[in-house]
């Protein structure tokens, strides 16, 4: 049997030839991963039209005069831009006060939802083997199938008797009504977190509260981002709940303030659409500045 042994010079030559081949294979693999999926790109482009077309129509209507709306389809560019529509919407809706009311309700509901719903989900997730917690979990899931109109009238009566037909009551109701879906989201995620992390902290002397706030809650970043987005969009855009709960006209939200443009026989579309764009702008700005944390949170959740 013959054994082939490479000399140092031959080994050096082989390594020098192997280097370019490895770099070439690495570049080819990178090029493969960078190929564009044109079918997926076309599908995303078509789906984006469902958002861009209504947004374009809203901007065009908000910049026109009532006469231009009556004579066209709404998609034409305005012959005369009427910026006074935004000034009229600002005045007629008392926009600063309505914006403040909506912001207080949204922020309050967001903070209370993240703190309370995550605690409830943690208790259920770590004790799901017990009958009481398992029954509570399915009870909350069953609440997802109850239509709001069924409980609307009793809810109005109850909030009036308790004296919470105000902004505080709205914050509580958004927190309670979002509990079912949020517990479902949180529980599924918490059960993927290794329990060994909590056991190690318990051995070091940490209490249950310390374990949750120091270990579990920081790991809930992706789910906090998801629940936070759902809660903000819901509380900011909701119309039915403020309509039936709030009794003081000074507490009305942006959605209730915009109802002034809807008349029995006519609707002021130009000022109404200007008001809609103004109401959409704050939430859109928040998303633009927070999208880095939102996208990174969702990405970490998918990787985990």
C-alpha atoms as a PDB file:
ATOM      1  CA  UNK A   1       0.000   0.000   0.000  1.00  0.00           C
ATOM      2  CA  UNK A   2       1.374   3.385  -1.011  1.00  0.00           C
ATOM      3  CA  UNK A   3       0.863   6.495   1.117  1.00  0.00           C
ATOM      4  CA  UNK A   4       0.819   9.867  -0.625  1.00  0.00           C
ATOM      5  CA  UNK A   5       2.308  12.663   1.437  1.00  0.00           C
ATOM      6  CA  UNK A   6       2.142  16.274   0.336  1.00  0.00           C
ATOM      7  CA  UNK A   7       5.217  18.410   0.757  1.00  0.00           C
ATOM      8  CA  UNK A   8       4.892  21.809   2.515  1.00  0.00           C
ATOM      9  CA  UNK A   9       5.078  23.565  -0.828  1.00  0.00           C
ATOM     10  CA  UNK A  10       2.305  21.419  -2.249  1.00  0.00           C
ATOM     11  CA  UNK A  11       0.148  21.955   0.836  1.00  0.00           C
ATOM     12  CA  UNK A  12       0.623  25.698   0.538  1.00  0.00           C
ATOM     13  CA  UNK A  13      -0.394  25.605  -3.135  1.00  0.00           C
ATOM     14  CA  UNK A  14      -3.482  23.542  -2.346  1.00  0.00           C
ATOM     15  CA  UNK A  15      -4.550  25.943   0.399  1.00  0.00           C
ATOM     16  CA  UNK A  16      -4.038  28.900  -1.918  1.00  0.00           C
ATOM     17  CA  UNK A  17      -6.224  27.255  -4.580  1.00  0.00           C
ATOM     18  CA  UNK A  18      -8.846  26.231  -2.027  1.00  0.00           C
ATOM     19  CA  UNK A  19      -9.275  29.804  -0.763  1.00  0.00           C
ATOM     20  CA  UNK A  20     -10.657  31.290  -4.015  1.00  0.00           C
ATOM     21  CA  UNK A  21     -12.951  28.275  -4.470  1.00  0.00           C
ATOM     22  CA  UNK A  22     -14.415  28.723  -1.002  1.00  0.00           C
ATOM     23  CA  UNK A  23     -14.956  32.446  -1.574  1.00  0.00           C
ATOM     24  CA  UNK A  24     -16.581  31.695  -4.937  1.00  0.00           C
ATOM     25  CA  UNK A  25     -18.941  29.153  -3.374  1.00  0.00           C
ATOM     26  CA  UNK A  26     -19.784  31.627  -0.586  1.00  0.00           C
ATOM     27  CA  UNK A  27     -20.589  34.344  -3.137  1.00  0.00           C
ATOM     28  CA  UNK A  28     -22.748  31.937  -5.121  1.00  0.00           C
ATOM     29  CA  UNK A  29     -24.686  30.933  -2.001  1.00  0.00           C
ATOM     30  CA  UNK A  30     -25.213  34.599  -1.182  1.00  0.00           C
ATOM     31  CA  UNK A  31     -26.474  35.270  -4.702  1.00  0.00           C
ATOM     32  CA  UNK A  32     -28.902  32.363  -4.389  1.00  0.00           C
ATOM     33  CA  UNK A  33     -30.391  33.780  -1.192  1.00  0.00           C
ATOM     34  CA  UNK A  34     -30.734  37.222  -2.759  1.00  0.00           C
ATOM     35  CA  UNK A  35     -32.880  36.069  -5.674  1.00  0.00           C
ATOM     36  CA  UNK A  36     -36.158  37.933  -5.892  1.00  0.00           C
ATOM     37  CA  UNK A  37     -39.400  36.012  -5.683  1.00  0.00           C
ATOM     38  CA  UNK A  38     -41.341  37.913  -8.308  1.00  0.00           C
ATOM     39  CA  UNK A  39     -44.622  36.122  -7.596  1.00  0.00           C
ATOM     40  CA  UNK A  40     -44.501  37.078  -3.921  1.00  0.00           C
ATOM     41  CA  UNK A  41     -43.455  40.620  -4.830  1.00  0.00           C
ATOM     42  CA  UNK A  42     -46.375  40.981  -7.251  1.00  0.00           C
ATOM     43  CA  UNK A  43     -48.792  39.600  -4.662  1.00  0.00           C
ATOM     44  CA  UNK A  44     -47.567  42.069  -2.027  1.00  0.00           C
ATOM     45  CA  UNK A  45     -47.853  44.929  -4.535  1.00  0.00           C
ATOM     46  CA  UNK A  46     -51.444  44.009  -5.355  1.00  0.00           C
ATOM     47  CA  UNK A  47     -52.351  43.700  -1.664  1.00  0.00           C
ATOM     48  CA  UNK A  48     -50.805  47.103  -0.957  1.00  0.00           C
ATOM     49  CA  UNK A  49     -53.336  48.658  -3.345  1.00  0.00           C
ATOM     50  CA  UNK A  50     -56.092  47.814  -0.845  1.00  0.00           C
ATOM     51  CA  UNK A  51     -54.480  50.373   1.475  1.00  0.00           C
ATOM     52  CA  UNK A  52     -52.999  52.867  -0.961  1.00  0.00           C
ATOM     53  CA  UNK A  53     -56.125  53.393  -3.070  1.00  0.00           C
ATOM     54  CA  UNK A  54     -58.441  54.335  -0.142  1.00  0.00           C
ATOM     55  CA  UNK A  55     -55.664  56.500   1.318  1.00  0.00           C
ATOM     56  CA  UNK A  56     -55.219  58.280  -2.011  1.00  0.00           C
ATOM     57  CA  UNK A  57     -58.983  58.844  -2.245  1.00  0.00           C
ATOM     58  CA  UNK A  58     -59.080  60.252   1.310  1.00  0.00           C
ATOM     59  CA  UNK A  59     -56.276  62.728   0.547  1.00  0.00           C
ATOM     60  CA  UNK A  60     -57.886  63.846  -2.711  1.00  0.00           C
ATOM     61  CA  UNK A  61     -61.291  64.400  -1.094  1.00  0.00           C
ATOM     62  CA  UNK A  62     -59.752  66.283   1.840  1.00  0.00           C
ATOM     63  CA  UNK A  63     -58.085  68.767  -0.524  1.00  0.00           C
ATOM     64  CA  UNK A  64     -61.132  69.521  -2.682  1.00  0.00           C
ATOM     65  CA  UNK A  65     -64.078  71.852  -2.465  1.00  0.00           C
ATOM     66  CA  UNK A  66     -67.651  70.525  -2.162  1.00  0.00           C
ATOM     67  CA  UNK A  67     -68.321  71.530  -5.778  1.00  0.00           C
ATOM     68  CA  UNK A  68     -65.406  69.431  -7.032  1.00  0.00           C
ATOM     69  CA  UNK A  69     -66.706  66.423  -5.108  1.00  0.00           C
ATOM     70  CA  UNK A  70     -70.143  66.782  -6.685  1.00  0.00           C
ATOM     71  CA  UNK A  71     -68.857  66.932 -10.262  1.00  0.00           C
ATOM     72  CA  UNK A  72     -66.205  64.180 -10.206  1.00  0.00           C
ATOM     73  CA  UNK A  73     -65.518  60.642  -9.075  1.00  0.00           C
ATOM     74  CA  UNK A  74     -63.201  61.690  -6.265  1.00  0.00           C
ATOM     75  CA  UNK A  75     -59.983  60.309  -7.765  1.00  0.00           C
ATOM     76  CA  UNK A  76     -59.156  63.395  -9.849  1.00  0.00           C
ATOM     77  CA  UNK A  77     -56.522  65.852  -8.681  1.00  0.00           C
ATOM     78  CA  UNK A  78     -58.083  68.978  -7.158  1.00  0.00           C
ATOM     79  CA  UNK A  79     -58.158  71.963  -9.487  1.00  0.00           C
ATOM     80  CA  UNK A  80     -58.063  74.235  -6.434  1.00  0.00           C
ATOM     81  CA  UNK A  81     -56.531  72.980  -3.185  1.00  0.00           C
ATOM     82  CA  UNK A  82     -58.653  73.973  -0.209  1.00  0.00           C
ATOM     83  CA  UNK A  83     -56.473  73.877   2.904  1.00  0.00           C
ATOM     84  CA  UNK A  84     -59.304  75.463   4.867  1.00  0.00           C
ATOM     85  CA  UNK A  85     -60.851  72.003   5.226  1.00  0.00           C
ATOM     86  CA  UNK A  86     -58.237  71.117   7.838  1.00  0.00           C
ATOM     87  CA  UNK A  87     -58.783  74.392   9.696  1.00  0.00           C
ATOM     88  CA  UNK A  88     -62.540  73.805   9.706  1.00  0.00           C
ATOM     89  CA  UNK A  89     -62.067  70.256  10.979  1.00  0.00           C
ATOM     90  CA  UNK A  90     -59.740  71.522  13.733  1.00  0.00           C
ATOM     91  CA  UNK A  91     -62.345  73.996  14.924  1.00  0.00           C
ATOM     92  CA  UNK A  92     -65.552  72.012  14.525  1.00  0.00           C
ATOM     93  CA  UNK A  93     -64.236  68.921  16.306  1.00  0.00           C
ATOM     94  CA  UNK A  94     -62.366  70.834  19.037  1.00  0.00           C
ATOM     95  CA  UNK A  95     -59.437  68.734  17.894  1.00  0.00           C
ATOM     96  CA  UNK A  96     -56.944  69.463  20.743  1.00  0.00           C
ATOM     97  CA  UNK A  97     -59.392  68.398  23.456  1.00  0.00           C
ATOM     98  CA  UNK A  98     -60.591  65.328  21.530  1.00  0.00           C
ATOM     99  CA  UNK A  99     -56.999  64.355  20.787  1.00  0.00           C
ATOM    100  CA  UNK A 100     -56.081  64.663  24.472  1.00  0.00           C
ATOM    101  CA  UNK A 101     -59.042  62.525  25.530  1.00  0.00           C
ATOM    102  CA  UNK A 102     -58.222  59.837  22.975  1.00  0.00           C
ATOM    103  CA  UNK A 103     -54.550  59.868  23.925  1.00  0.00           C
ATOM    104  CA  UNK A 104     -55.268  59.492  27.648  1.00  0.00           C
ATOM    105  CA  UNK A 105     -57.619  56.568  27.074  1.00  0.00           C
ATOM    106  CA  UNK A 106     -55.235  54.847  24.661  1.00  0.00           C
ATOM    107  CA  UNK A 107     -52.128  55.230  26.833  1.00  0.00           C
ATOM    108  CA  UNK A 108     -53.998  54.225  29.989  1.00  0.00           C
ATOM    109  CA  UNK A 109     -55.468  51.144  28.325  1.00  0.00           C
ATOM    110  CA  UNK A 110     -52.066  50.213  26.889  1.00  0.00           C
ATOM    111  CA  UNK A 111     -50.203  50.406  30.209  1.00  0.00           C
ATOM    112  CA  UNK A 112     -52.895  48.652  32.241  1.00  0.00           C
ATOM    113  CA  UNK A 113     -53.307  45.935  29.600  1.00  0.00           C
ATOM    114  CA  UNK A 114     -49.603  45.098  29.404  1.00  0.00           C
ATOM    115  CA  UNK A 115     -49.218  44.950  33.179  1.00  0.00           C
ATOM    116  CA  UNK A 116     -52.372  43.086  34.146  1.00  0.00           C
ATOM    117  CA  UNK A 117     -52.898  40.749  31.206  1.00  0.00           C
ATOM    118  CA  UNK A 118     -49.328  39.468  31.272  1.00  0.00           C
ATOM    119  CA  UNK A 119     -49.631  38.643  34.993  1.00  0.00           C
ATOM    120  CA  UNK A 120     -52.867  36.731  34.453  1.00  0.00           C
ATOM    121  CA  UNK A 121     -51.363  34.827  31.523  1.00  0.00           C
ATOM    122  CA  UNK A 122     -48.248  33.951  33.535  1.00  0.00           C
ATOM    123  CA  UNK A 123     -50.328  32.544  36.391  1.00  0.00           C
ATOM    124  CA  UNK A 124     -52.375  30.447  33.962  1.00  0.00           C
ATOM    125  CA  UNK A 125     -49.415  29.256  31.892  1.00  0.00           C
ATOM    126  CA  UNK A 126     -47.451  27.986  34.888  1.00  0.00           C
ATOM    127  CA  UNK A 127     -50.466  26.369  36.549  1.00  0.00           C
ATOM    128  CA  UNK A 128     -52.347  25.065  33.528  1.00  0.00           C
ATOM    129  CA  UNK A 129     -52.165  21.535  34.973  1.00  0.00           C
ATOM    130  CA  UNK A 130     -54.456  22.607  37.827  1.00  0.00           C
ATOM    131  CA  UNK A 131     -58.195  22.418  37.290  1.00  0.00           C
ATOM    132  CA  UNK A 132     -58.993  25.972  38.443  1.00  0.00           C
ATOM    133  CA  UNK A 133     -56.476  27.624  36.120  1.00  0.00           C
ATOM    134  CA  UNK A 134     -57.336  25.341  33.210  1.00  0.00           C
ATOM    135  CA  UNK A 135     -61.026  26.141  33.651  1.00  0.00           C
ATOM    136  CA  UNK A 136     -60.241  29.861  33.859  1.00  0.00           C
ATOM    137  CA  UNK A 137     -58.253  29.642  30.641  1.00  0.00           C
ATOM    138  CA  UNK A 138     -61.089  28.052  28.676  1.00  0.00           C
ATOM    139  CA  UNK A 139     -63.568  30.449  30.298  1.00  0.00           C
ATOM    140  CA  UNK A 140     -61.584  33.405  28.959  1.00  0.00           C
ATOM    141  CA  UNK A 141     -61.340  31.812  25.529  1.00  0.00           C
ATOM    142  CA  UNK A 142     -65.108  31.301  25.487  1.00  0.00           C
ATOM    143  CA  UNK A 143     -65.552  35.056  25.989  1.00  0.00           C
ATOM    144  CA  UNK A 144     -64.110  35.600  22.517  1.00  0.00           C
ATOM    145  CA  UNK A 145     -67.296  34.205  21.008  1.00  0.00           C
ATOM    146  CA  UNK A 146     -69.689  36.586  22.797  1.00  0.00           C
ATOM    147  CA  UNK A 147     -70.825  39.444  20.501  1.00  0.00           C
ATOM    148  CA  UNK A 148     -70.571  42.897  22.019  1.00  0.00           C
ATOM    149  CA  UNK A 149     -74.193  43.936  21.203  1.00  0.00           C
ATOM    150  CA  UNK A 150     -75.455  41.211  23.555  1.00  0.00           C
ATOM    151  CA  UNK A 151     -73.772  42.789  26.583  1.00  0.00           C
ATOM    152  CA  UNK A 152     -73.924  46.402  25.432  1.00  0.00           C
ATOM    153  CA  UNK A 153     -77.116  47.519  27.205  1.00  0.00           C
ATOM    154  CA  UNK A 154     -76.368  45.782  30.537  1.00  0.00           C
ATOM    155  CA  UNK A 155     -72.864  47.245  30.369  1.00  0.00           C
ATOM    156  CA  UNK A 156     -74.198  50.790  29.927  1.00  0.00           C
ATOM    157  CA  UNK A 157     -76.479  50.353  32.928  1.00  0.00           C
ATOM    158  CA  UNK A 158     -73.744  48.867  35.093  1.00  0.00           C
ATOM    159  CA  UNK A 159     -71.134  51.518  34.312  1.00  0.00           C
ATOM    160  CA  UNK A 160     -73.699  54.213  35.054  1.00  0.00           C
ATOM    161  CA  UNK A 161     -74.528  52.693  38.456  1.00  0.00           C
ATOM    162  CA  UNK A 162     -70.840  52.354  39.342  1.00  0.00           C
ATOM    163  CA  UNK A 163     -70.058  55.901  38.216  1.00  0.00           C
ATOM    164  CA  UNK A 164     -67.400  54.860  35.725  1.00  0.00           C
ATOM    165  CA  UNK A 165     -69.092  56.168  32.576  1.00  0.00           C
ATOM    166  CA  UNK A 166     -66.005  58.280  31.958  1.00  0.00           C
ATOM    167  CA  UNK A 167     -62.413  57.955  30.772  1.00  0.00           C
ATOM    168  CA  UNK A 168     -61.405  55.768  33.720  1.00  0.00           C
ATOM    169  CA  UNK A 169     -64.219  53.379  32.907  1.00  0.00           C
ATOM    170  CA  UNK A 170     -63.119  53.273  29.270  1.00  0.00           C
ATOM    171  CA  UNK A 171     -59.593  52.273  30.298  1.00  0.00           C
ATOM    172  CA  UNK A 172     -60.927  49.504  32.534  1.00  0.00           C
ATOM    173  CA  UNK A 173     -63.278  48.204  29.856  1.00  0.00           C
ATOM    174  CA  UNK A 174     -60.579  48.074  27.180  1.00  0.00           C
ATOM    175  CA  UNK A 175     -58.351  46.153  29.598  1.00  0.00           C
ATOM    176  CA  UNK A 176     -61.073  43.669  30.526  1.00  0.00           C
ATOM    177  CA  UNK A 177     -62.402  43.161  26.996  1.00  0.00           C
ATOM    178  CA  UNK A 178     -58.907  42.538  25.642  1.00  0.00           C
ATOM    179  CA  UNK A 179     -58.110  40.000  28.367  1.00  0.00           C
ATOM    180  CA  UNK A 180     -59.367  36.952  26.459  1.00  0.00           C
ATOM    181  CA  UNK A 181     -57.295  37.403  23.309  1.00  0.00           C
ATOM    182  CA  UNK A 182     -54.246  38.734  25.148  1.00  0.00           C
ATOM    183  CA  UNK A 183     -54.171  35.829  27.601  1.00  0.00           C
ATOM    184  CA  UNK A 184     -54.332  33.438  24.667  1.00  0.00           C
ATOM    185  CA  UNK A 185     -51.353  35.199  23.025  1.00  0.00           C
ATOM    186  CA  UNK A 186     -49.298  35.517  26.203  1.00  0.00           C
ATOM    187  CA  UNK A 187     -49.947  31.986  27.461  1.00  0.00           C
ATOM    188  CA  UNK A 188     -48.783  30.317  24.260  1.00  0.00           C
ATOM    189  CA  UNK A 189     -45.548  32.312  24.379  1.00  0.00           C
ATOM    190  CA  UNK A 190     -44.838  31.904  28.104  1.00  0.00           C
ATOM    191  CA  UNK A 191     -45.097  28.129  27.812  1.00  0.00           C
ATOM    192  CA  UNK A 192     -42.148  28.212  25.371  1.00  0.00           C
ATOM    193  CA  UNK A 193     -39.925  29.892  27.976  1.00  0.00           C
ATOM    194  CA  UNK A 194     -37.821  27.239  29.804  1.00  0.00           C
ATOM    195  CA  UNK A 195     -39.017  26.836  33.365  1.00  0.00           C
ATOM    196  CA  UNK A 196     -35.428  26.141  34.408  1.00  0.00           C
ATOM    197  CA  UNK A 197     -34.791  29.899  34.343  1.00  0.00           C
ATOM    198  CA  UNK A 198     -37.403  30.416  37.028  1.00  0.00           C
ATOM    199  CA  UNK A 199     -36.214  27.444  39.064  1.00  0.00           C
ATOM    200  CA  UNK A 200     -32.667  28.813  39.085  1.00  0.00           C
ATOM    201  CA  UNK A 201     -33.902  32.204  40.281  1.00  0.00           C
ATOM    202  CA  UNK A 202     -36.051  30.555  42.948  1.00  0.00           C
ATOM    203  CA  UNK A 203     -33.067  28.622  44.245  1.00  0.00           C
ATOM    204  CA  UNK A 204     -31.208  31.945  44.565  1.00  0.00           C
ATOM    205  CA  UNK A 205     -34.013  33.221  46.784  1.00  0.00           C
ATOM    206  CA  UNK A 206     -36.143  35.203  44.318  1.00  0.00           C
ATOM    207  CA  UNK A 207     -39.883  35.412  45.018  1.00  0.00           C
ATOM    208  CA  UNK A 208     -42.565  34.747  42.425  1.00  0.00           C
ATOM    209  CA  UNK A 209     -43.032  38.482  41.817  1.00  0.00           C
ATOM    210  CA  UNK A 210     -39.282  38.964  41.435  1.00  0.00           C
ATOM    211  CA  UNK A 211     -39.085  36.078  38.980  1.00  0.00           C
ATOM    212  CA  UNK A 212     -41.861  37.533  36.863  1.00  0.00           C
ATOM    213  CA  UNK A 213     -40.650  41.136  36.740  1.00  0.00           C
ATOM    214  CA  UNK A 214     -36.925  40.323  36.448  1.00  0.00           C
ATOM    215  CA  UNK A 215     -36.998  37.302  34.141  1.00  0.00           C
ATOM    216  CA  UNK A 216     -40.353  36.653  32.478  1.00  0.00           C
ATOM    217  CA  UNK A 217     -41.578  40.167  31.702  1.00  0.00           C
ATOM    218  CA  UNK A 218     -38.368  41.245  29.902  1.00  0.00           C
ATOM    219  CA  UNK A 219     -38.638  38.098  27.753  1.00  0.00           C
ATOM    220  CA  UNK A 220     -42.176  39.066  26.765  1.00  0.00           C
ATOM    221  CA  UNK A 221     -40.904  41.879  24.535  1.00  0.00           C
ATOM    222  CA  UNK A 222     -42.228  40.389  21.262  1.00  0.00           C
ATOM    223  CA  UNK A 223     -45.643  39.659  22.744  1.00  0.00           C
ATOM    224  CA  UNK A 224     -45.765  43.053  24.454  1.00  0.00           C
ATOM    225  CA  UNK A 225     -45.193  44.633  21.042  1.00  0.00           C
ATOM    226  CA  UNK A 226     -47.994  42.558  19.505  1.00  0.00           C
ATOM    227  CA  UNK A 227     -50.472  43.182  22.307  1.00  0.00           C
ATOM    228  CA  UNK A 228     -49.497  46.857  22.438  1.00  0.00           C
ATOM    229  CA  UNK A 229     -50.191  47.360  18.723  1.00  0.00           C
ATOM    230  CA  UNK A 230     -53.559  45.620  18.925  1.00  0.00           C
ATOM    231  CA  UNK A 231     -54.578  47.600  21.993  1.00  0.00           C
ATOM    232  CA  UNK A 232     -53.485  50.973  20.614  1.00  0.00           C
ATOM    233  CA  UNK A 233     -55.224  50.525  17.278  1.00  0.00           C
ATOM    234  CA  UNK A 234     -58.392  49.281  18.956  1.00  0.00           C
ATOM    235  CA  UNK A 235     -58.604  52.002  21.617  1.00  0.00           C
ATOM    236  CA  UNK A 236     -57.668  54.781  19.191  1.00  0.00           C
ATOM    237  CA  UNK A 237     -60.120  53.836  16.426  1.00  0.00           C
ATOM    238  CA  UNK A 238     -63.031  52.519  18.484  1.00  0.00           C
ATOM    239  CA  UNK A 239     -66.372  54.256  18.058  1.00  0.00           C
ATOM    240  CA  UNK A 240     -69.055  52.035  19.581  1.00  0.00           C
ATOM    241  CA  UNK A 241     -67.723  51.773  23.135  1.00  0.00           C
ATOM    242  CA  UNK A 242     -67.159  55.530  23.667  1.00  0.00           C
ATOM    243  CA  UNK A 243     -70.537  56.208  22.077  1.00  0.00           C
ATOM    244  CA  UNK A 244     -72.486  54.083  24.568  1.00  0.00           C
ATOM    245  CA  UNK A 245     -70.319  54.607  27.680  1.00  0.00           C
ATOM    246  CA  UNK A 246     -69.192  58.239  27.814  1.00  0.00           C
ATOM    247  CA  UNK A 247     -71.875  60.518  29.240  1.00  0.00           C
ATOM    248  CA  UNK A 248     -69.957  63.802  29.464  1.00  0.00           C
ATOM    249  CA  UNK A 249     -69.579  65.604  26.091  1.00  0.00           C
ATOM    250  CA  UNK A 250     -66.247  66.967  27.308  1.00  0.00           C
ATOM    251  CA  UNK A 251     -64.831  63.414  27.391  1.00  0.00           C
ATOM    252  CA  UNK A 252     -65.631  62.577  23.788  1.00  0.00           C
ATOM    253  CA  UNK A 253     -62.893  61.020  21.678  1.00  0.00           C
ATOM    254  CA  UNK A 254     -61.820  61.865  18.142  1.00  0.00           C
ATOM    255  CA  UNK A 255     -64.196  59.320  16.665  1.00  0.00           C
ATOM    256  CA  UNK A 256     -67.174  60.820  18.499  1.00  0.00           C
ATOM    257  CA  UNK A 257     -66.096  64.345  17.590  1.00  0.00           C
ATOM    258  CA  UNK A 258     -65.988  63.398  13.910  1.00  0.00           C
ATOM    259  CA  UNK A 259     -69.597  62.259  14.086  1.00  0.00           C
ATOM    260  CA  UNK A 260     -70.568  65.939  13.850  1.00  0.00           C
ATOM    261  CA  UNK A 261     -69.999  65.779  10.080  1.00  0.00           C
ATOM    262  CA  UNK A 262     -72.722  63.156   9.612  1.00  0.00           C
ATOM    263  CA  UNK A 263     -76.081  64.856   9.148  1.00  0.00           C
ATOM    264  CA  UNK A 264     -79.531  63.447   8.544  1.00  0.00           C
ATOM    265  CA  UNK A 265     -79.729  64.688   4.976  1.00  0.00           C
ATOM    266  CA  UNK A 266     -76.160  65.505   3.998  1.00  0.00           C
ATOM    267  CA  UNK A 267     -72.520  64.846   4.887  1.00  0.00           C
ATOM    268  CA  UNK A 268     -69.658  67.313   4.664  1.00  0.00           C
ATOM    269  CA  UNK A 269     -67.223  64.924   3.001  1.00  0.00           C
ATOM    270  CA  UNK A 270     -64.350  67.337   2.425  1.00  0.00           C
ATOM    271  CA  UNK A 271     -64.069  68.478   6.047  1.00  0.00           C
ATOM    272  CA  UNK A 272     -64.854  64.967   7.299  1.00  0.00           C
ATOM    273  CA  UNK A 273     -61.996  63.388   5.337  1.00  0.00           C
ATOM    274  CA  UNK A 274     -59.651  66.145   6.464  1.00  0.00           C
ATOM    275  CA  UNK A 275     -60.595  65.281  10.031  1.00  0.00           C
ATOM    276  CA  UNK A 276     -59.998  61.579   9.368  1.00  0.00           C
ATOM    277  CA  UNK A 277     -56.484  62.281   8.122  1.00  0.00           C
ATOM    278  CA  UNK A 278     -55.763  64.447  11.151  1.00  0.00           C
ATOM    279  CA  UNK A 279     -56.972  61.687  13.486  1.00  0.00           C
ATOM    280  CA  UNK A 280     -54.848  59.099  11.672  1.00  0.00           C
ATOM    281  CA  UNK A 281     -51.658  61.166  11.730  1.00  0.00           C
ATOM    282  CA  UNK A 282     -50.676  60.775  15.448  1.00  0.00           C
ATOM    283  CA  UNK A 283     -50.929  56.986  15.401  1.00  0.00           C
ATOM    284  CA  UNK A 284     -49.066  56.861  12.091  1.00  0.00           C
ATOM    285  CA  UNK A 285     -46.247  58.990  13.501  1.00  0.00           C
ATOM    286  CA  UNK A 286     -45.983  56.755  16.554  1.00  0.00           C
ATOM    287  CA  UNK A 287     -45.629  53.717  14.310  1.00  0.00           C
ATOM    288  CA  UNK A 288     -42.993  55.394  12.114  1.00  0.00           C
ATOM    289  CA  UNK A 289     -40.804  56.215  15.109  1.00  0.00           C
ATOM    290  CA  UNK A 290     -41.435  52.891  16.890  1.00  0.00           C
ATOM    291  CA  UNK A 291     -41.307  50.519  13.921  1.00  0.00           C
ATOM    292  CA  UNK A 292     -37.703  49.535  14.715  1.00  0.00           C
ATOM    293  CA  UNK A 293     -38.711  48.145  18.107  1.00  0.00           C
ATOM    294  CA  UNK A 294     -41.921  46.640  16.737  1.00  0.00           C
ATOM    295  CA  UNK A 295     -40.183  44.794  13.885  1.00  0.00           C
ATOM    296  CA  UNK A 296     -37.282  43.640  16.079  1.00  0.00           C
ATOM    297  CA  UNK A 297     -39.719  42.378  18.701  1.00  0.00           C
ATOM    298  CA  UNK A 298     -41.716  40.399  16.185  1.00  0.00           C
ATOM    299  CA  UNK A 299     -38.492  39.029  14.672  1.00  0.00           C
ATOM    300  CA  UNK A 300     -37.211  37.853  18.059  1.00  0.00           C
ATOM    301  CA  UNK A 301     -40.554  36.196  18.669  1.00  0.00           C
ATOM    302  CA  UNK A 302     -40.386  34.274  15.384  1.00  0.00           C
ATOM    303  CA  UNK A 303     -36.799  33.164  16.021  1.00  0.00           C
ATOM    304  CA  UNK A 304     -37.603  31.943  19.500  1.00  0.00           C
END
